[in-house]
Amino acid sequence: MDTVAEIIKTITAEMQKSLSAKTVVGDPVTIEGKTIVPLVSLGMGFGAGAGSGKDAPGGGGGGGGMGIKPVAVIVIDDRGARVETLKQPKPTLVEQLAEVVPRIAESMPTKKERQVEVEETG
C-alpha cells in the first residue's frame, strides 16, 4: 500500500472512532422536572499528501480536524417533547470564506482556457 493510502486509512480509522449517535445526541440532563437532551452539529475534514524528491527518500503526512457546535435541545416535560433550536451566531469570516472560495475557484479559467485566450489575443 502506498504512503498516501496508508495515511488516509489511519486518519479515517481514527475519525470513525468519534462517529456514533452519542456524538451528536448528548446525555440527558433533568432539571426541575424537565429533561433536556442536547443535539450538536458535527463537521470533520482531513487531508493527506506524500511525495519524494530527486535525491531524497519519500515522505508524507496528514491531519484532520473535527468541530462540534450545539444546534438544538430536545425538551421533555409534562406537556410532551419538543425540539428547541438554539440561536446560531453569525458565521465567522473563516466560515464565510469556506463557502465563497470554492465558488470563486470554480469560476476562474483553467490553465488550458488561459492558454487559448493568450494564443487568440497574441
PDB file of N, CA and C in Angstrom:
ATOM      1  N   MET A   1       0.866  -1.180   0.000  1.00  0.00           N
ATOM      2  CA  MET A   1       0.000   0.000   0.000  1.00  0.00           C
ATOM      3  C   MET A   1       0.902   1.229   0.000  1.00  0.00           C
ATOM      4  N   ASP A   2       0.569   2.220  -0.815  1.00  0.00           N
ATOM      5  CA  ASP A   2       1.426   3.409  -0.875  1.00  0.00           C
ATOM      6  C   ASP A   2       1.210   4.310   0.334  1.00  0.00           C
ATOM      7  N   THR A   3       2.121   5.250   0.502  1.00  0.00           N
ATOM      8  CA  THR A   3       2.146   6.104   1.686  1.00  0.00           C
ATOM      9  C   THR A   3       0.850   6.891   1.874  1.00  0.00           C
ATOM     10  N   VAL A   4       0.337   7.518   0.816  1.00  0.00           N
ATOM     11  CA  VAL A   4      -0.878   8.328   0.944  1.00  0.00           C
ATOM     12  C   VAL A   4      -2.052   7.462   1.386  1.00  0.00           C
ATOM     13  N   ALA A   5      -2.198   6.290   0.789  1.00  0.00           N
ATOM     14  CA  ALA A   5      -3.298   5.401   1.155  1.00  0.00           C
ATOM     15  C   ALA A   5      -3.196   4.988   2.622  1.00  0.00           C
ATOM     16  N   GLU A   6      -1.986   4.722   3.097  1.00  0.00           N
ATOM     17  CA  GLU A   6      -1.789   4.352   4.499  1.00  0.00           C
ATOM     18  C   GLU A   6      -2.157   5.507   5.422  1.00  0.00           C
ATOM     19  N   ILE A   7      -1.754   6.707   5.049  1.00  0.00           N
ATOM     20  CA  ILE A   7      -2.062   7.894   5.861  1.00  0.00           C
ATOM     21  C   ILE A   7      -3.575   8.098   5.925  1.00  0.00           C
ATOM     22  N   ILE A   8      -4.234   8.042   4.778  1.00  0.00           N
ATOM     23  CA  ILE A   8      -5.694   8.248   4.733  1.00  0.00           C
ATOM     24  C   ILE A   8      -6.404   7.160   5.538  1.00  0.00           C
ATOM     25  N   LYS A   9      -5.961   5.923   5.412  1.00  0.00           N
ATOM     26  CA  LYS A   9      -6.579   4.817   6.156  1.00  0.00           C
ATOM     27  C   LYS A   9      -6.460   5.061   7.663  1.00  0.00           C
ATOM     28  N   THR A  10      -5.307   5.500   8.114  1.00  0.00           N
ATOM     29  CA  THR A  10      -5.087   5.765   9.536  1.00  0.00           C
ATOM     30  C   THR A  10      -5.963   6.914  10.023  1.00  0.00           C
ATOM     31  N   ILE A  11      -6.006   8.007   9.263  1.00  0.00           N
ATOM     32  CA  ILE A  11      -6.800   9.169   9.671  1.00  0.00           C
ATOM     33  C   ILE A  11      -8.281   8.815   9.731  1.00  0.00           C
ATOM     34  N   THR A  12      -8.800   8.172   8.684  1.00  0.00           N
ATOM     35  CA  THR A  12     -10.226   7.848   8.668  1.00  0.00           C
ATOM     36  C   THR A  12     -10.587   6.841   9.759  1.00  0.00           C
ATOM     37  N   ALA A  13      -9.692   5.912  10.069  1.00  0.00           N
ATOM     38  CA  ALA A  13      -9.957   4.958  11.155  1.00  0.00           C
ATOM     39  C   ALA A  13     -10.077   5.686  12.493  1.00  0.00           C
ATOM     40  N   GLU A  14      -9.198   6.656  12.719  1.00  0.00           N
ATOM     41  CA  GLU A  14      -9.265   7.424  13.965  1.00  0.00           C
ATOM     42  C   GLU A  14     -10.530   8.281  14.021  1.00  0.00           C
ATOM     43  N   MET A  15     -10.910   8.870  12.883  1.00  0.00           N
ATOM     44  CA  MET A  15     -12.107   9.710  12.861  1.00  0.00           C
ATOM     45  C   MET A  15     -13.366   8.866  13.069  1.00  0.00           C
ATOM     46  N   GLN A  16     -13.391   7.656  12.543  1.00  0.00           N
ATOM     47  CA  GLN A  16     -14.554   6.785  12.711  1.00  0.00           C
ATOM     48  C   GLN A  16     -14.801   6.456  14.173  1.00  0.00           C
ATOM     49  N   LYS A  17     -13.757   6.438  14.971  1.00  0.00           N
ATOM     50  CA  LYS A  17     -13.914   6.168  16.398  1.00  0.00           C
ATOM     51  C   LYS A  17     -14.785   7.228  17.073  1.00  0.00           C
ATOM     52  N   SER A  18     -14.818   8.426  16.490  1.00  0.00           N
ATOM     53  CA  SER A  18     -15.587   9.532  17.058  1.00  0.00           C
ATOM     54  C   SER A  18     -17.036   9.556  16.575  1.00  0.00           C
ATOM     55  N   LEU A  19     -17.349   8.758  15.567  1.00  0.00           N
ATOM     56  CA  LEU A  19     -18.683   8.810  14.973  1.00  0.00           C
ATOM     57  C   LEU A  19     -19.632   7.798  15.614  1.00  0.00           C
ATOM     58  N   SER A  20     -20.675   8.309  16.202  1.00  0.00           N
ATOM     59  CA  SER A  20     -21.749   7.472  16.732  1.00  0.00           C
ATOM     60  C   SER A  20     -22.920   8.392  17.044  1.00  0.00           C
ATOM     61  N   ALA A  21     -24.066   7.807  17.292  1.00  0.00           N
ATOM     62  CA  ALA A  21     -25.224   8.620  17.656  1.00  0.00           C
ATOM     63  C   ALA A  21     -24.932   9.418  18.923  1.00  0.00           C
ATOM     64  N   LYS A  22     -24.132   8.864  19.799  1.00  0.00           N
ATOM     65  CA  LYS A  22     -23.795   9.542  21.047  1.00  0.00           C
ATOM     66  C   LYS A  22     -22.978  10.814  20.797  1.00  0.00           C
ATOM     67  N   THR A  23     -22.339  10.903  19.637  1.00  0.00           N
ATOM     68  CA  THR A  23     -21.565  12.093  19.299  1.00  0.00           C
ATOM     69  C   THR A  23     -22.469  13.295  19.073  1.00  0.00           C
ATOM     70  N   VAL A  24     -23.618  13.095  18.443  1.00  0.00           N
ATOM     71  CA  VAL A  24     -24.492  14.221  18.113  1.00  0.00           C
ATOM     72  C   VAL A  24     -25.700  14.347  19.036  1.00  0.00           C
ATOM     73  N   VAL A  25     -25.990  13.318  19.812  1.00  0.00           N
ATOM     74  CA  VAL A  25     -27.073  13.370  20.792  1.00  0.00           C
ATOM     75  C   VAL A  25     -26.428  13.203  22.161  1.00  0.00           C
ATOM     76  N   GLY A  26     -26.454  14.289  22.929  1.00  0.00           N
ATOM     77  CA  GLY A  26     -25.779  14.274  24.230  1.00  0.00           C
ATOM     78  C   GLY A  26     -26.556  13.533  25.293  1.00  0.00           C
ATOM     79  N   ASP A  27     -25.946  13.416  26.455  1.00  0.00           N
ATOM     80  CA  ASP A  27     -26.581  12.749  27.591  1.00  0.00           C
ATOM     81  C   ASP A  27     -27.716  13.619  28.136  1.00  0.00           C
ATOM     82  N   PRO A  28     -28.857  13.007  28.450  1.00  0.00           N
ATOM     83  CA  PRO A  28     -29.979  13.766  29.009  1.00  0.00           C
ATOM     84  C   PRO A  28     -29.639  14.329  30.390  1.00  0.00           C
ATOM     85  N   VAL A  29     -30.163  15.523  30.653  1.00  0.00           N
ATOM     86  CA  VAL A  29     -29.995  16.176  31.948  1.00  0.00           C
ATOM     87  C   VAL A  29     -31.389  16.541  32.437  1.00  0.00           C
ATOM     88  N   THR A  30     -31.712  16.199  33.674  1.00  0.00           N
ATOM     89  CA  THR A  30     -33.030  16.529  34.222  1.00  0.00           C
ATOM     90  C   THR A  30     -32.878  17.676  35.216  1.00  0.00           C
ATOM     91  N   ILE A  31     -33.654  18.747  34.966  1.00  0.00           N
ATOM     92  CA  ILE A  31     -33.637  19.934  35.812  1.00  0.00           C
ATOM     93  C   ILE A  31     -35.077  20.360  36.056  1.00  0.00           C
ATOM     94  N   GLU A  32     -35.478  20.441  37.320  1.00  0.00           N
ATOM     95  CA  GLU A  32     -36.808  20.908  37.709  1.00  0.00           C
ATOM     96  C   GLU A  32     -37.922  20.221  36.917  1.00  0.00           C
ATOM     97  N   GLY A  33     -37.853  18.920  36.805  1.00  0.00           N
ATOM     98  CA  GLY A  33     -38.904  18.162  36.135  1.00  0.00           C
ATOM     99  C   GLY A  33     -38.847  18.170  34.614  1.00  0.00           C
ATOM    100  N   LYS A  34     -37.864  18.816  34.039  1.00  0.00           N
ATOM    101  CA  LYS A  34     -37.685  18.834  32.584  1.00  0.00           C
ATOM    102  C   LYS A  34     -36.417  18.063  32.235  1.00  0.00           C
ATOM    103  N   THR A  35     -36.533  17.224  31.227  1.00  0.00           N
ATOM    104  CA  THR A  35     -35.360  16.513  30.738  1.00  0.00           C
ATOM    105  C   THR A  35     -34.897  17.203  29.466  1.00  0.00           C
ATOM    106  N   ILE A  36     -33.636  17.530  29.413  1.00  0.00           N
ATOM    107  CA  ILE A  36     -33.066  18.240  28.266  1.00  0.00           C
ATOM    108  C   ILE A  36     -31.990  17.361  27.641  1.00  0.00           C
ATOM    109  N   VAL A  37     -32.122  17.164  26.317  1.00  0.00           N
ATOM    110  CA  VAL A  37     -31.166  16.356  25.572  1.00  0.00           C
ATOM    111  C   VAL A  37     -30.511  17.258  24.529  1.00  0.00           C
ATOM    112  N   PRO A  38     -29.212  17.515  24.644  1.00  0.00           N
ATOM    113  CA  PRO A  38     -28.542  18.385  23.673  1.00  0.00           C
ATOM    114  C   PRO A  38     -28.311  17.682  22.333  1.00  0.00           C
ATOM    115  N   LEU A  39     -28.453  18.447  21.255  1.00  0.00           N
ATOM    116  CA  LEU A  39     -28.166  17.976  19.897  1.00  0.00           C
ATOM    117  C   LEU A  39     -27.084  18.872  19.317  1.00  0.00           C
ATOM    118  N   VAL A  40     -26.090  18.273  18.677  1.00  0.00           N
ATOM    119  CA  VAL A  40     -24.993  19.050  18.122  1.00  0.00           C
ATOM    120  C   VAL A  40     -24.794  18.734  16.645  1.00  0.00           C
ATOM    121  N   SER A  41     -24.173  19.684  15.965  1.00  0.00           N
ATOM    122  CA  SER A  41     -23.764  19.504  14.571  1.00  0.00           C
ATOM    123  C   SER A  41     -22.286  19.125  14.594  1.00  0.00           C
ATOM    124  N   LEU A  42     -21.933  18.167  13.768  1.00  0.00           N
ATOM    125  CA  LEU A  42     -20.569  17.661  13.749  1.00  0.00           C
ATOM    126  C   LEU A  42     -20.001  17.814  12.351  1.00  0.00           C
ATOM    127  N   GLY A  43     -18.817  18.378  12.247  1.00  0.00           N
ATOM    128  CA  GLY A  43     -18.140  18.500  10.956  1.00  0.00           C
ATOM    129  C   GLY A  43     -16.735  17.954  11.056  1.00  0.00           C
ATOM    130  N   MET A  44     -16.320  17.248  10.017  1.00  0.00           N
ATOM    131  CA  MET A  44     -14.982  16.664  10.002  1.00  0.00           C
ATOM    132  C   MET A  44     -14.321  16.930   8.663  1.00  0.00           C
ATOM    133  N   GLY A  45     -13.015  16.999   8.684  1.00  0.00           N
ATOM    134  CA  GLY A  45     -12.257  17.144   7.446  1.00  0.00           C
ATOM    135  C   GLY A  45     -10.852  16.619   7.645  1.00  0.00           C
ATOM    136  N   PHE A  46     -10.235  16.208   6.558  1.00  0.00           N
ATOM    137  CA  PHE A  46      -8.864  15.726   6.658  1.00  0.00           C
ATOM    138  C   PHE A  46      -8.166  15.883   5.323  1.00  0.00           C
ATOM    139  N   GLY A  47      -6.873  15.788   5.370  1.00  0.00           N
ATOM    140  CA  GLY A  47      -6.072  15.857   4.157  1.00  0.00           C
ATOM    141  C   GLY A  47      -4.796  15.058   4.342  1.00  0.00           C
ATOM    142  N   ALA A  48      -4.236  14.622   3.238  1.00  0.00           N
ATOM    143  CA  ALA A  48      -3.006  13.846   3.293  1.00  0.00           C
ATOM    144  C   ALA A  48      -2.222  14.062   2.008  1.00  0.00           C
ATOM    145  N   GLY A  49      -0.943  13.873   2.096  1.00  0.00           N
ATOM    146  CA  GLY A  49      -0.120  14.006   0.905  1.00  0.00           C
ATOM    147  C   GLY A  49       1.213  13.311   1.104  1.00  0.00           C
ATOM    148  N   ALA A  50       1.829  12.990  -0.001  1.00  0.00           N
ATOM    149  CA  ALA A  50       3.130  12.338   0.050  1.00  0.00           C
ATOM    150  C   ALA A  50       3.889  12.678  -1.217  1.00  0.00           C
ATOM    151  N   GLY A  51       5.185  12.518  -1.153  1.00  0.00           N
ATOM    152  CA  GLY A  51       5.996  12.784  -2.332  1.00  0.00           C
ATOM    153  C   GLY A  51       7.432  12.396  -2.081  1.00  0.00           C
ATOM    154  N   SER A  52       8.223  12.533  -3.115  1.00  0.00           N
ATOM    155  CA  SER A  52       9.642  12.251  -2.973  1.00  0.00           C
ATOM    156  C   SER A  52      10.408  13.191  -3.896  1.00  0.00           C
ATOM    157  N   GLY A  53      11.624  13.466  -3.516  1.00  0.00           N
ATOM    158  CA  GLY A  53      12.469  14.332  -4.318  1.00  0.00           C
ATOM    159  C   GLY A  53      13.417  13.519  -5.172  1.00  0.00           C
ATOM    160  N   LYS A  54      14.140  14.213  -6.003  1.00  0.00           N
ATOM    161  CA  LYS A  54      15.090  13.572  -6.907  1.00  0.00           C
ATOM    162  C   LYS A  54      16.139  12.771  -6.126  1.00  0.00           C
ATOM    163  N   ASP A  55      16.701  13.400  -5.093  1.00  0.00           N
ATOM    164  CA  ASP A  55      17.762  12.756  -4.319  1.00  0.00           C
ATOM    165  C   ASP A  55      17.339  12.483  -2.881  1.00  0.00           C
ATOM    166  N   ALA A  56      16.034  12.443  -2.627  1.00  0.00           N
ATOM    167  CA  ALA A  56      15.566  12.268  -1.262  1.00  0.00           C
ATOM    168  C   ALA A  56      14.548  11.129  -1.198  1.00  0.00           C
ATOM    169  N   PRO A  57      14.532  10.440  -0.056  1.00  0.00           N
ATOM    170  CA  PRO A  57      13.519   9.390   0.095  1.00  0.00           C
ATOM    171  C   PRO A  57      12.125  10.009   0.205  1.00  0.00           C
ATOM    172  N   GLY A  58      11.128   9.196  -0.009  1.00  0.00           N
ATOM    173  CA  GLY A  58       9.745   9.677   0.064  1.00  0.00           C
ATOM    174  C   GLY A  58       9.346  10.025   1.481  1.00  0.00           C
ATOM    175  N   GLY A  59       8.331  10.836   1.568  1.00  0.00           N
ATOM    176  CA  GLY A  59       7.797  11.225   2.861  1.00  0.00           C
ATOM    177  C   GLY A  59       6.347  11.612   2.705  1.00  0.00           C
ATOM    178  N   GLY A  60       5.656  11.701   3.778  1.00  0.00           N
ATOM    179  CA  GLY A  60       4.246  12.067   3.702  1.00  0.00           C
ATOM    180  C   GLY A  60       3.735  12.525   5.040  1.00  0.00           C
ATOM    181  N   GLY A  61       2.526  13.009   5.024  1.00  0.00           N
ATOM    182  CA  GLY A  61       1.909  13.468   6.253  1.00  0.00           C
ATOM    183  C   GLY A  61       0.438  13.689   6.049  1.00  0.00           C
ATOM    184  N   GLY A  62      -0.244  13.874   7.128  1.00  0.00           N
ATOM    185  CA  GLY A  62      -1.673  14.104   7.042  1.00  0.00           C
ATOM    186  C   GLY A  62      -2.184  14.676   8.337  1.00  0.00           C
ATOM    187  N   GLY A  63      -3.404  15.100   8.298  1.00  0.00           N
ATOM    188  CA  GLY A  63      -4.019  15.650   9.503  1.00  0.00           C
ATOM    189  C   GLY A  63      -5.514  15.749   9.332  1.00  0.00           C
ATOM    190  N   GLY A  64      -6.179  15.920  10.419  1.00  0.00           N
ATOM    191  CA  GLY A  64      -7.631  16.023  10.376  1.00  0.00           C
ATOM    192  C   GLY A  64      -8.117  16.910  11.493  1.00  0.00           C
ATOM    193  N   GLY A  65      -9.351  17.285  11.371  1.00  0.00           N
ATOM    194  CA  GLY A  65      -9.937  18.114  12.402  1.00  0.00           C
ATOM    195  C   GLY A  65     -11.417  17.842  12.521  1.00  0.00           C
ATOM    196  N   MET A  66     -11.958  18.207  13.660  1.00  0.00           N
ATOM    197  CA  MET A  66     -13.367  17.991  13.905  1.00  0.00           C
ATOM    198  C   MET A  66     -13.908  19.183  14.666  1.00  0.00           C
ATOM    199  N   GLY A  67     -15.102  19.608  14.299  1.00  0.00           N
ATOM    200  CA  GLY A  67     -15.741  20.705  15.003  1.00  0.00           C
ATOM    201  C   GLY A  67     -17.136  20.304  15.441  1.00  0.00           C
ATOM    202  N   ILE A  68     -17.503  20.714  16.626  1.00  0.00           N
ATOM    203  CA  ILE A  68     -18.822  20.404  17.174  1.00  0.00           C
ATOM    204  C   ILE A  68     -19.440  21.701  17.663  1.00  0.00           C
ATOM    205  N   LYS A  69     -20.725  21.918  17.284  1.00  0.00           N
ATOM    206  CA  LYS A  69     -21.413  23.095  17.826  1.00  0.00           C
ATOM    207  C   LYS A  69     -22.847  22.716  18.184  1.00  0.00           C
ATOM    208  N   PRO A  70     -23.333  23.234  19.297  1.00  0.00           N
ATOM    209  CA  PRO A  70     -24.705  22.934  19.708  1.00  0.00           C
ATOM    210  C   PRO A  70     -25.697  23.587  18.747  1.00  0.00           C
ATOM    211  N   VAL A  71     -26.737  22.850  18.362  1.00  0.00           N
ATOM    212  CA  VAL A  71     -27.723  23.397  17.432  1.00  0.00           C
ATOM    213  C   VAL A  71     -29.140  23.387  17.984  1.00  0.00           C
ATOM    214  N   ALA A  72     -29.438  22.466  18.901  1.00  0.00           N
ATOM    215  CA  ALA A  72     -30.801  22.374  19.421  1.00  0.00           C
ATOM    216  C   ALA A  72     -30.796  21.549  20.702  1.00  0.00           C
ATOM    217  N   VAL A  73     -31.923  21.557  21.373  1.00  0.00           N
ATOM    218  CA  VAL A  73     -32.143  20.677  22.518  1.00  0.00           C
ATOM    219  C   VAL A  73     -33.529  20.056  22.390  1.00  0.00           C
ATOM    220  N   ILE A  74     -33.659  18.855  22.870  1.00  0.00           N
ATOM    221  CA  ILE A  74     -34.971  18.225  22.992  1.00  0.00           C
ATOM    222  C   ILE A  74     -35.401  18.463  24.432  1.00  0.00           C
ATOM    223  N   VAL A  75     -36.585  19.035  24.611  1.00  0.00           N
ATOM    224  CA  VAL A  75     -37.112  19.299  25.943  1.00  0.00           C
ATOM    225  C   VAL A  75     -38.281  18.339  26.170  1.00  0.00           C
ATOM    226  N   ILE A  76     -38.186  17.563  27.232  1.00  0.00           N
ATOM    227  CA  ILE A  76     -39.251  16.623  27.585  1.00  0.00           C
ATOM    228  C   ILE A  76     -39.787  17.050  28.947  1.00  0.00           C
ATOM    229  N   ASP A  77     -41.095  17.386  28.993  1.00  0.00           N
ATOM    230  CA  ASP A  77     -41.708  17.797  30.247  1.00  0.00           C
ATOM    231  C   ASP A  77     -43.133  17.261  30.310  1.00  0.00           C
ATOM    232  N   ASP A  78     -43.921  17.770  31.243  1.00  0.00           N
ATOM    233  CA  ASP A  78     -45.288  17.260  31.405  1.00  0.00           C
ATOM    234  C   ASP A  78     -46.190  17.578  30.212  1.00  0.00           C
ATOM    235  N   ARG A  79     -45.781  18.481  29.331  1.00  0.00           N
ATOM    236  CA  ARG A  79     -46.566  18.808  28.130  1.00  0.00           C
ATOM    237  C   ARG A  79     -46.194  17.936  26.940  1.00  0.00           C
ATOM    238  N   GLY A  80     -45.125  17.154  27.060  1.00  0.00           N
ATOM    239  CA  GLY A  80     -44.684  16.305  25.962  1.00  0.00           C
ATOM    240  C   GLY A  80     -43.232  16.587  25.626  1.00  0.00           C
ATOM    241  N   ALA A  81     -42.868  16.305  24.373  1.00  0.00           N
ATOM    242  CA  ALA A  81     -41.495  16.517  23.915  1.00  0.00           C
ATOM    243  C   ALA A  81     -41.502  17.495  22.758  1.00  0.00           C
ATOM    244  N   ARG A  82     -40.488  18.346  22.714  1.00  0.00           N
ATOM    245  CA  ARG A  82     -40.369  19.303  21.613  1.00  0.00           C
ATOM    246  C   ARG A  82     -38.892  19.610  21.372  1.00  0.00           C
ATOM    247  N   VAL A  83     -38.625  20.046  20.178  1.00  0.00           N
ATOM    248  CA  VAL A  83     -37.257  20.434  19.827  1.00  0.00           C
ATOM    249  C   VAL A  83     -37.178  21.950  19.814  1.00  0.00           C
ATOM    250  N   GLU A  84     -36.219  22.475  20.535  1.00  0.00           N
ATOM    251  CA  GLU A  84     -35.983  23.918  20.582  1.00  0.00           C
ATOM    252  C   GLU A  84     -34.636  24.192  19.915  1.00  0.00           C
ATOM    253  N   THR A  85     -34.667  24.925  18.797  1.00  0.00           N
ATOM    254  CA  THR A  85     -33.400  25.250  18.140  1.00  0.00           C
ATOM    255  C   THR A  85     -32.711  26.373  18.890  1.00  0.00           C
ATOM    256  N   LEU A  86     -31.410  26.332  18.879  1.00  0.00           N
ATOM    257  CA  LEU A  86     -30.622  27.366  19.533  1.00  0.00           C
ATOM    258  C   LEU A  86     -30.305  28.453  18.524  1.00  0.00           C
ATOM    259  N   LYS A  87     -30.319  29.686  18.976  1.00  0.00           N
ATOM    260  CA  LYS A  87     -29.988  30.790  18.093  1.00  0.00           C
ATOM    261  C   LYS A  87     -28.533  30.646  17.669  1.00  0.00           C
ATOM    262  N   GLN A  88     -28.326  30.661  16.360  1.00  0.00           N
ATOM    263  CA  GLN A  88     -26.970  30.491  15.831  1.00  0.00           C
ATOM    264  C   GLN A  88     -26.298  31.852  15.687  1.00  0.00           C
ATOM    265  N   PRO A  89     -25.054  31.942  16.116  1.00  0.00           N
ATOM    266  CA  PRO A  89     -24.323  33.192  15.911  1.00  0.00           C
ATOM    267  C   PRO A  89     -24.053  33.394  14.422  1.00  0.00           C
ATOM    268  N   LYS A  90     -23.790  34.637  14.055  1.00  0.00           N
ATOM    269  CA  LYS A  90     -23.448  34.907  12.663  1.00  0.00           C
ATOM    270  C   LYS A  90     -22.183  34.144  12.303  1.00  0.00           C
ATOM    271  N   PRO A  91     -22.095  33.693  11.045  1.00  0.00           N
ATOM    272  CA  PRO A  91     -20.906  32.936  10.658  1.00  0.00           C
ATOM    273  C   PRO A  91     -19.642  33.785  10.779  1.00  0.00           C
ATOM    274  N   THR A  92     -18.555  33.141  11.172  1.00  0.00           N
ATOM    275  CA  THR A  92     -17.274  33.831  11.268  1.00  0.00           C
ATOM    276  C   THR A  92     -16.744  34.093   9.863  1.00  0.00           C
ATOM    277  N   LEU A  93     -15.738  34.923   9.775  1.00  0.00           N
ATOM    278  CA  LEU A  93     -15.116  35.220   8.488  1.00  0.00           C
ATOM    279  C   LEU A  93     -14.581  33.945   7.836  1.00  0.00           C
ATOM    280  N   VAL A  94     -13.980  33.077   8.637  1.00  0.00           N
ATOM    281  CA  VAL A  94     -13.436  31.819   8.113  1.00  0.00           C
ATOM    282  C   VAL A  94     -14.563  30.960   7.526  1.00  0.00           C
ATOM    283  N   GLU A  95     -15.709  30.877   8.225  1.00  0.00           N
ATOM    284  CA  GLU A  95     -16.838  30.094   7.713  1.00  0.00           C
ATOM    285  C   GLU A  95     -17.379  30.699   6.420  1.00  0.00           C
ATOM    286  N   GLN A  96     -17.436  32.028   6.354  1.00  0.00           N
ATOM    287  CA  GLN A  96     -17.911  32.677   5.135  1.00  0.00           C
ATOM    288  C   GLN A  96     -16.955  32.408   3.983  1.00  0.00           C
ATOM    289  N   LEU A  97     -15.648  32.494   4.242  1.00  0.00           N
ATOM    290  CA  LEU A  97     -14.664  32.215   3.198  1.00  0.00           C
ATOM    291  C   LEU A  97     -14.738  30.765   2.729  1.00  0.00           C
ATOM    292  N   ALA A  98     -14.966  29.852   3.654  1.00  0.00           N
ATOM    293  CA  ALA A  98     -15.060  28.437   3.296  1.00  0.00           C
ATOM    294  C   ALA A  98     -16.213  28.188   2.327  1.00  0.00           C
ATOM    295  N   GLU A  99     -17.257  28.993   2.400  1.00  0.00           N
ATOM    296  CA  GLU A  99     -18.378  28.851   1.479  1.00  0.00           C
ATOM    297  C   GLU A  99     -18.112  29.546   0.141  1.00  0.00           C
ATOM    298  N   VAL A 100     -17.425  30.686   0.159  1.00  0.00           N
ATOM    299  CA  VAL A 100     -17.241  31.501  -1.038  1.00  0.00           C
ATOM    300  C   VAL A 100     -16.063  31.060  -1.904  1.00  0.00           C
ATOM    301  N   VAL A 101     -14.948  30.678  -1.281  1.00  0.00           N
ATOM    302  CA  VAL A 101     -13.729  30.360  -2.032  1.00  0.00           C
ATOM    303  C   VAL A 101     -13.943  29.264  -3.084  1.00  0.00           C
ATOM    304  N   PRO A 102     -14.620  28.152  -2.765  1.00  0.00           N
ATOM    305  CA  PRO A 102     -14.824  27.139  -3.808  1.00  0.00           C
ATOM    306  C   PRO A 102     -15.601  27.672  -5.017  1.00  0.00           C
ATOM    307  N   ARG A 103     -16.580  28.532  -4.780  1.00  0.00           N
ATOM    308  CA  ARG A 103     -17.346  29.104  -5.906  1.00  0.00           C
ATOM    309  C   ARG A 103     -16.464  30.015  -6.748  1.00  0.00           C
ATOM    310  N   ILE A 104     -15.591  30.783  -6.112  1.00  0.00           N
ATOM    311  CA  ILE A 104     -14.675  31.657  -6.852  1.00  0.00           C
ATOM    312  C   ILE A 104     -13.717  30.805  -7.676  1.00  0.00           C
ATOM    313  N   ALA A 105     -13.183  29.753  -7.053  1.00  0.00           N
ATOM    314  CA  ALA A 105     -12.235  28.875  -7.755  1.00  0.00           C
ATOM    315  C   ALA A 105     -12.890  28.222  -8.967  1.00  0.00           C
ATOM    316  N   GLU A 106     -14.155  27.836  -8.861  1.00  0.00           N
ATOM    317  CA  GLU A 106     -14.859  27.215  -9.985  1.00  0.00           C
ATOM    318  C   GLU A 106     -15.039  28.194 -11.142  1.00  0.00           C
ATOM    319  N   SER A 107     -15.187  29.473 -10.833  1.00  0.00           N
ATOM    320  CA  SER A 107     -15.434  30.458 -11.881  1.00  0.00           C
ATOM    321  C   SER A 107     -14.149  30.927 -12.577  1.00  0.00           C
ATOM    322  N   MET A 108     -12.987  30.589 -12.007  1.00  0.00           N
ATOM    323  CA  MET A 108     -11.721  31.015 -12.607  1.00  0.00           C
ATOM    324  C   MET A 108     -11.391  30.130 -13.802  1.00  0.00           C
ATOM    325  N   PRO A 109     -10.826  30.723 -14.856  1.00  0.00           N
ATOM    326  CA  PRO A 109     -10.468  29.921 -16.022  1.00  0.00           C
ATOM    327  C   PRO A 109      -9.346  28.941 -15.694  1.00  0.00           C
ATOM    328  N   THR A 110      -9.368  27.793 -16.345  1.00  0.00           N
ATOM    329  CA  THR A 110      -8.316  26.803 -16.150  1.00  0.00           C
ATOM    330  C   THR A 110      -7.066  27.234 -16.903  1.00  0.00           C
ATOM    331  N   LYS A 111      -5.957  26.548 -16.654  1.00  0.00           N
ATOM    332  CA  LYS A 111      -4.707  26.870 -17.330  1.00  0.00           C
ATOM    333  C   LYS A 111      -4.878  26.744 -18.844  1.00  0.00           C
ATOM    334  N   LYS A 112      -5.588  25.706 -19.277  1.00  0.00           N
ATOM    335  CA  LYS A 112      -5.797  25.495 -20.705  1.00  0.00           C
ATOM    336  C   LYS A 112      -6.639  26.629 -21.299  1.00  0.00           C
ATOM    337  N   GLU A 113      -7.679  27.060 -20.590  1.00  0.00           N
ATOM    338  CA  GLU A 113      -8.510  28.164 -21.068  1.00  0.00           C
ATOM    339  C   GLU A 113      -7.701  29.455 -21.175  1.00  0.00           C
ATOM    340  N   ARG A 114      -6.784  29.689 -20.212  1.00  0.00           N
ATOM    341  CA  ARG A 114      -5.943  30.884 -20.257  1.00  0.00           C
ATOM    342  C   ARG A 114      -4.985  30.822 -21.437  1.00  0.00           C
ATOM    343  N   GLN A 115      -4.443  29.632 -21.729  1.00  0.00           N
ATOM    344  CA  GLN A 115      -3.537  29.485 -22.868  1.00  0.00           C
ATOM    345  C   GLN A 115      -4.253  29.794 -24.167  1.00  0.00           C
ATOM    346  N   VAL A 116      -5.492  29.331 -24.292  1.00  0.00           N
ATOM    347  CA  VAL A 116      -6.263  29.582 -25.514  1.00  0.00           C
ATOM    348  C   VAL A 116      -6.497  31.080 -25.661  1.00  0.00           C
ATOM    349  N   GLU A 117      -6.812  31.775 -24.553  1.00  0.00           N
ATOM    350  CA  GLU A 117      -7.043  33.221 -24.608  1.00  0.00           C
ATOM    351  C   GLU A 117      -5.773  33.940 -25.059  1.00  0.00           C
ATOM    352  N   VAL A 118      -4.605  33.530 -24.530  1.00  0.00           N
ATOM    353  CA  VAL A 118      -3.344  34.161 -24.881  1.00  0.00           C
ATOM    354  C   VAL A 118      -3.040  33.927 -26.362  1.00  0.00           C
ATOM    355  N   GLU A 119      -3.258  32.715 -26.825  1.00  0.00           N
ATOM    356  CA  GLU A 119      -2.986  32.396 -28.228  1.00  0.00           C
ATOM    357  C   GLU A 119      -3.914  33.187 -29.162  1.00  0.00           C
ATOM    358  N   GLU A 120      -5.167  33.356 -28.769  1.00  0.00           N
ATOM    359  CA  GLU A 120      -6.123  34.079 -29.590  1.00  0.00           C
ATOM    360  C   GLU A 120      -5.821  35.570 -29.656  1.00  0.00           C
ATOM    361  N   THR A 121      -5.297  36.118 -28.556  1.00  0.00           N
ATOM    362  CA  THR A 121      -5.018  37.552 -28.498  1.00  0.00           C
ATOM    363  C   THR A 121      -3.587  37.873 -28.904  1.00  0.00           C
ATOM    364  N   GLY A 122      -2.728  36.852 -28.873  1.00  0.00           N
ATOM    365  CA  GLY A 122      -1.299  37.056 -29.110  1.00  0.00           C
ATOM    366  C   GLY A 122      -0.990  37.119 -30.542  1.00  0.00           C
TER     367      GLY A 122
END
